[in-house]
Amino acid sequence: MLDHAARRGTSQHARPILVVALVVFAAGIAAAGLFATVGSTNGMGFYAASSLLGLMWGVYGTWVFLTQAGTDQINAVVNVHDQPGTVPAA
């Protein structure tokens, strides 16, 4: 939710690398679940790799949120102040 909120004003399209990360993450967790369902511990590698991917994805989303949240509104206000003869909306 926060990642979507941070990008709401910048782009309406999902970045392809993030879609791939989501698919790989979900597939890894599903594969680990399938191995666990059968009673095998061989799926722990899938779970570990997916967990690391999820952690990196979370850090990236946090970084985007902290660095880009609200920047479009700030830039819009600054641009309105820079143009002569315009009155900024309150």
N, C-alpha and C. Protein backbone atom coordinates (compact mmCIF):
# COMPACT_ATOMS: atom_id res chain seq x y z
N MET A 1 0.82 -1.20 0.00
CA MET A 1 0.00 0.00 0.00
C MET A 1 0.86 1.26 0.00
N LEU A 2 1.90 1.27 0.84
CA LEU A 2 2.72 2.47 0.93
C LEU A 2 3.51 2.70 -0.35
N ASP A 3 3.99 1.62 -0.95
CA ASP A 3 4.72 1.75 -2.20
C ASP A 3 3.82 2.33 -3.28
N HIS A 4 2.58 1.88 -3.33
CA HIS A 4 1.62 2.42 -4.30
C HIS A 4 1.35 3.89 -4.01
N ALA A 5 1.25 4.25 -2.74
CA ALA A 5 0.99 5.64 -2.38
C ALA A 5 2.16 6.53 -2.75
N ALA A 6 3.38 6.00 -2.62
CA ALA A 6 4.56 6.80 -2.95
C ALA A 6 4.66 7.05 -4.44
N ARG A 7 4.16 6.14 -5.25
CA ARG A 7 4.27 6.27 -6.70
C ARG A 7 3.01 6.79 -7.36
N ARG A 8 1.99 7.06 -6.60
CA ARG A 8 0.70 7.43 -7.18
C ARG A 8 0.82 8.57 -8.17
N GLY A 9 1.57 9.60 -7.84
CA GLY A 9 1.66 10.74 -8.73
C GLY A 9 2.71 10.60 -9.80
N THR A 10 3.66 9.68 -9.67
CA THR A 10 4.76 9.61 -10.63
C THR A 10 4.45 8.73 -11.82
N SER A 11 3.75 7.63 -11.62
CA SER A 11 3.51 6.71 -12.73
C SER A 11 2.31 5.83 -12.41
N GLN A 12 1.52 5.58 -13.40
CA GLN A 12 0.38 4.70 -13.22
C GLN A 12 0.70 3.28 -13.66
N HIS A 13 1.87 3.08 -14.25
CA HIS A 13 2.25 1.77 -14.77
C HIS A 13 3.23 1.09 -13.81
N ALA A 14 3.06 -0.21 -13.65
CA ALA A 14 3.98 -0.97 -12.82
C ALA A 14 5.30 -1.12 -13.55
N ARG A 15 6.38 -1.05 -12.81
CA ARG A 15 7.70 -1.26 -13.40
C ARG A 15 7.88 -2.76 -13.64
N PRO A 16 8.35 -3.12 -14.82
CA PRO A 16 8.47 -4.55 -15.15
C PRO A 16 9.34 -5.34 -14.17
N ILE A 17 10.40 -4.74 -13.68
CA ILE A 17 11.27 -5.47 -12.75
C ILE A 17 10.55 -5.78 -11.44
N LEU A 18 9.64 -4.89 -11.03
CA LEU A 18 8.89 -5.14 -9.80
C LEU A 18 7.84 -6.23 -10.01
N VAL A 19 7.28 -6.29 -11.21
CA VAL A 19 6.32 -7.36 -11.53
C VAL A 19 7.04 -8.70 -11.53
N VAL A 20 8.24 -8.74 -12.11
CA VAL A 20 9.03 -9.97 -12.11
C VAL A 20 9.39 -10.37 -10.68
N ALA A 21 9.77 -9.41 -9.85
CA ALA A 21 10.11 -9.70 -8.46
C ALA A 21 8.90 -10.27 -7.72
N LEU A 22 7.73 -9.73 -7.96
CA LEU A 22 6.52 -10.23 -7.32
C LEU A 22 6.22 -11.66 -7.75
N VAL A 23 6.35 -11.94 -9.03
CA VAL A 23 6.08 -13.28 -9.54
C VAL A 23 7.08 -14.29 -8.99
N VAL A 24 8.36 -13.92 -8.98
CA VAL A 24 9.40 -14.81 -8.46
C VAL A 24 9.19 -15.05 -6.97
N PHE A 25 8.85 -14.00 -6.23
CA PHE A 25 8.60 -14.14 -4.79
C PHE A 25 7.43 -15.09 -4.53
N ALA A 26 6.33 -14.88 -5.23
CA ALA A 26 5.15 -15.72 -5.04
C ALA A 26 5.42 -17.16 -5.46
N ALA A 27 6.16 -17.34 -6.57
CA ALA A 27 6.47 -18.70 -7.03
C ALA A 27 7.39 -19.42 -6.05
N GLY A 28 8.34 -18.71 -5.47
CA GLY A 28 9.24 -19.32 -4.49
C GLY A 28 8.51 -19.75 -3.23
N ILE A 29 7.62 -18.93 -2.75
CA ILE A 29 6.84 -19.28 -1.56
C ILE A 29 5.90 -20.44 -1.87
N ALA A 30 5.30 -20.42 -3.06
CA ALA A 30 4.41 -21.52 -3.46
C ALA A 30 5.19 -22.83 -3.59
N ALA A 31 6.38 -22.78 -4.17
CA ALA A 31 7.19 -23.98 -4.31
C ALA A 31 7.60 -24.53 -2.95
N ALA A 32 7.98 -23.65 -2.04
CA ALA A 32 8.32 -24.09 -0.68
C ALA A 32 7.12 -24.71 0.00
N GLY A 33 5.94 -24.14 -0.22
CA GLY A 33 4.72 -24.70 0.36
C GLY A 33 4.40 -26.06 -0.20
N LEU A 34 4.62 -26.24 -1.50
CA LEU A 34 4.37 -27.55 -2.11
C LEU A 34 5.31 -28.61 -1.53
N PHE A 35 6.59 -28.27 -1.39
CA PHE A 35 7.53 -29.21 -0.78
C PHE A 35 7.13 -29.53 0.66
N ALA A 36 6.69 -28.52 1.40
CA ALA A 36 6.28 -28.74 2.79
C ALA A 36 5.03 -29.61 2.86
N THR A 37 4.13 -29.43 1.91
CA THR A 37 2.90 -30.22 1.88
C THR A 37 3.21 -31.71 1.68
N VAL A 38 4.23 -31.98 0.87
CA VAL A 38 4.60 -33.37 0.60
C VAL A 38 5.43 -33.95 1.74
N GLY A 39 5.88 -33.12 2.64
CA GLY A 39 6.65 -33.59 3.79
C GLY A 39 8.14 -33.55 3.58
N SER A 40 8.61 -32.85 2.55
CA SER A 40 10.03 -32.76 2.25
C SER A 40 10.60 -31.43 2.75
N THR A 41 11.86 -31.44 3.14
CA THR A 41 12.52 -30.21 3.57
C THR A 41 13.36 -29.60 2.45
N ASN A 42 13.29 -30.16 1.26
CA ASN A 42 14.07 -29.65 0.13
C ASN A 42 13.61 -28.27 -0.33
N GLY A 43 12.44 -27.84 0.05
CA GLY A 43 11.92 -26.55 -0.37
C GLY A 43 12.40 -25.38 0.46
N MET A 44 13.20 -25.64 1.47
CA MET A 44 13.67 -24.55 2.33
C MET A 44 14.55 -23.56 1.56
N GLY A 45 15.23 -24.03 0.52
CA GLY A 45 16.02 -23.11 -0.30
C GLY A 45 15.14 -22.11 -1.03
N PHE A 46 14.00 -22.59 -1.53
CA PHE A 46 13.05 -21.67 -2.17
C PHE A 46 12.53 -20.64 -1.17
N TYR A 47 12.26 -21.12 0.03
CA TYR A 47 11.74 -20.22 1.06
C TYR A 47 12.80 -19.18 1.44
N ALA A 48 14.04 -19.62 1.61
CA ALA A 48 15.12 -18.70 1.98
C ALA A 48 15.35 -17.65 0.90
N ALA A 49 15.42 -18.09 -0.36
CA ALA A 49 15.63 -17.15 -1.47
C ALA A 49 14.46 -16.17 -1.58
N SER A 50 13.25 -16.68 -1.42
CA SER A 50 12.07 -15.80 -1.51
C SER A 50 12.04 -14.81 -0.34
N SER A 51 12.48 -15.25 0.81
CA SER A 51 12.52 -14.36 1.97
C SER A 51 13.52 -13.23 1.75
N LEU A 52 14.68 -13.55 1.20
CA LEU A 52 15.67 -12.51 0.91
C LEU A 52 15.16 -11.55 -0.16
N LEU A 53 14.51 -12.09 -1.18
CA LEU A 53 13.92 -11.24 -2.21
C LEU A 53 12.85 -10.33 -1.61
N GLY A 54 12.01 -10.88 -0.74
CA GLY A 54 10.99 -10.07 -0.09
C GLY A 54 11.58 -8.98 0.79
N LEU A 55 12.68 -9.30 1.47
CA LEU A 55 13.35 -8.30 2.30
C LEU A 55 13.91 -7.17 1.44
N MET A 56 14.57 -7.52 0.34
CA MET A 56 15.11 -6.49 -0.56
C MET A 56 13.98 -5.65 -1.17
N TRP A 57 12.89 -6.30 -1.51
CA TRP A 57 11.74 -5.60 -2.08
C TRP A 57 11.17 -4.60 -1.06
N GLY A 58 11.10 -5.03 0.20
CA GLY A 58 10.61 -4.15 1.25
C GLY A 58 11.51 -2.95 1.49
N VAL A 59 12.81 -3.17 1.46
CA VAL A 59 13.76 -2.08 1.63
C VAL A 59 13.65 -1.10 0.47
N TYR A 60 13.51 -1.63 -0.74
CA TYR A 60 13.35 -0.77 -1.92
C TYR A 60 12.05 0.05 -1.81
N GLY A 61 10.96 -0.60 -1.44
CA GLY A 61 9.70 0.11 -1.30
C GLY A 61 9.77 1.21 -0.24
N THR A 62 10.46 0.91 0.86
CA THR A 62 10.63 1.92 1.90
C THR A 62 11.45 3.09 1.40
N TRP A 63 12.52 2.78 0.66
CA TRP A 63 13.36 3.84 0.11
C TRP A 63 12.56 4.74 -0.84
N VAL A 64 11.77 4.13 -1.70
CA VAL A 64 10.95 4.90 -2.64
C VAL A 64 9.97 5.77 -1.86
N PHE A 65 9.35 5.19 -0.85
CA PHE A 65 8.37 5.96 -0.08
C PHE A 65 9.03 7.14 0.63
N LEU A 66 10.18 6.90 1.24
CA LEU A 66 10.82 7.96 2.00
C LEU A 66 11.42 9.05 1.12
N THR A 67 11.81 8.71 -0.08
CA THR A 67 12.46 9.70 -0.93
C THR A 67 11.54 10.35 -1.95
N GLN A 68 10.41 9.71 -2.29
CA GLN A 68 9.57 10.26 -3.35
C GLN A 68 8.15 10.61 -2.91
N ALA A 69 7.75 10.26 -1.72
CA ALA A 69 6.38 10.53 -1.29
C ALA A 69 6.15 12.04 -1.20
N GLY A 70 5.19 12.51 -1.92
CA GLY A 70 4.82 13.92 -1.85
C GLY A 70 5.65 14.83 -2.72
N THR A 71 6.65 14.31 -3.43
CA THR A 71 7.50 15.19 -4.22
C THR A 71 6.75 15.80 -5.40
N ASP A 72 5.78 15.10 -5.95
CA ASP A 72 5.04 15.66 -7.08
C ASP A 72 4.20 16.85 -6.65
N GLN A 73 3.59 16.78 -5.47
CA GLN A 73 2.81 17.92 -5.00
C GLN A 73 3.71 19.11 -4.71
N ILE A 74 4.89 18.84 -4.15
CA ILE A 74 5.83 19.93 -3.84
C ILE A 74 6.33 20.55 -5.13
N ASN A 75 6.67 19.72 -6.11
CA ASN A 75 7.15 20.23 -7.40
C ASN A 75 6.07 21.03 -8.10
N ALA A 76 4.82 20.62 -8.01
CA ALA A 76 3.72 21.34 -8.66
C ALA A 76 3.56 22.73 -8.03
N VAL A 77 3.66 22.81 -6.71
CA VAL A 77 3.53 24.10 -6.03
C VAL A 77 4.69 25.00 -6.40
N VAL A 78 5.91 24.45 -6.44
CA VAL A 78 7.08 25.24 -6.81
C VAL A 78 6.94 25.75 -8.23
N ASN A 79 6.48 24.92 -9.15
CA ASN A 79 6.31 25.34 -10.54
C ASN A 79 5.27 26.43 -10.68
N VAL A 80 4.21 26.38 -9.90
CA VAL A 80 3.18 27.43 -9.96
C VAL A 80 3.76 28.75 -9.45
N HIS A 81 4.57 28.70 -8.40
CA HIS A 81 5.17 29.93 -7.87
C HIS A 81 6.17 30.51 -8.86
N ASP A 82 6.79 29.70 -9.69
CA ASP A 82 7.78 30.17 -10.64
C ASP A 82 7.16 30.86 -11.85
N GLN A 83 5.90 30.62 -12.12
CA GLN A 83 5.27 31.18 -13.30
C GLN A 83 4.64 32.54 -12.94
N PRO A 84 4.98 33.56 -13.69
CA PRO A 84 4.43 34.90 -13.38
C PRO A 84 2.93 34.96 -13.73
N GLY A 85 2.19 35.65 -12.89
CA GLY A 85 0.79 35.88 -13.14
C GLY A 85 -0.13 34.75 -12.70
N THR A 86 0.40 33.74 -12.01
CA THR A 86 -0.44 32.65 -11.55
C THR A 86 -0.61 32.74 -10.04
N VAL A 87 -1.75 32.31 -9.60
CA VAL A 87 -2.04 32.30 -8.17
C VAL A 87 -2.15 30.83 -7.74
N PRO A 88 -1.32 30.41 -6.76
CA PRO A 88 -1.38 29.02 -6.33
C PRO A 88 -2.68 28.71 -5.60
N ALA A 89 -3.19 27.50 -5.82
CA ALA A 89 -4.41 27.07 -5.13
C ALA A 89 -4.09 26.74 -3.69
N ALA A 90 -4.97 27.11 -2.80
CA ALA A 90 -4.73 26.86 -1.38
C ALA A 90 -5.12 25.48 -0.97
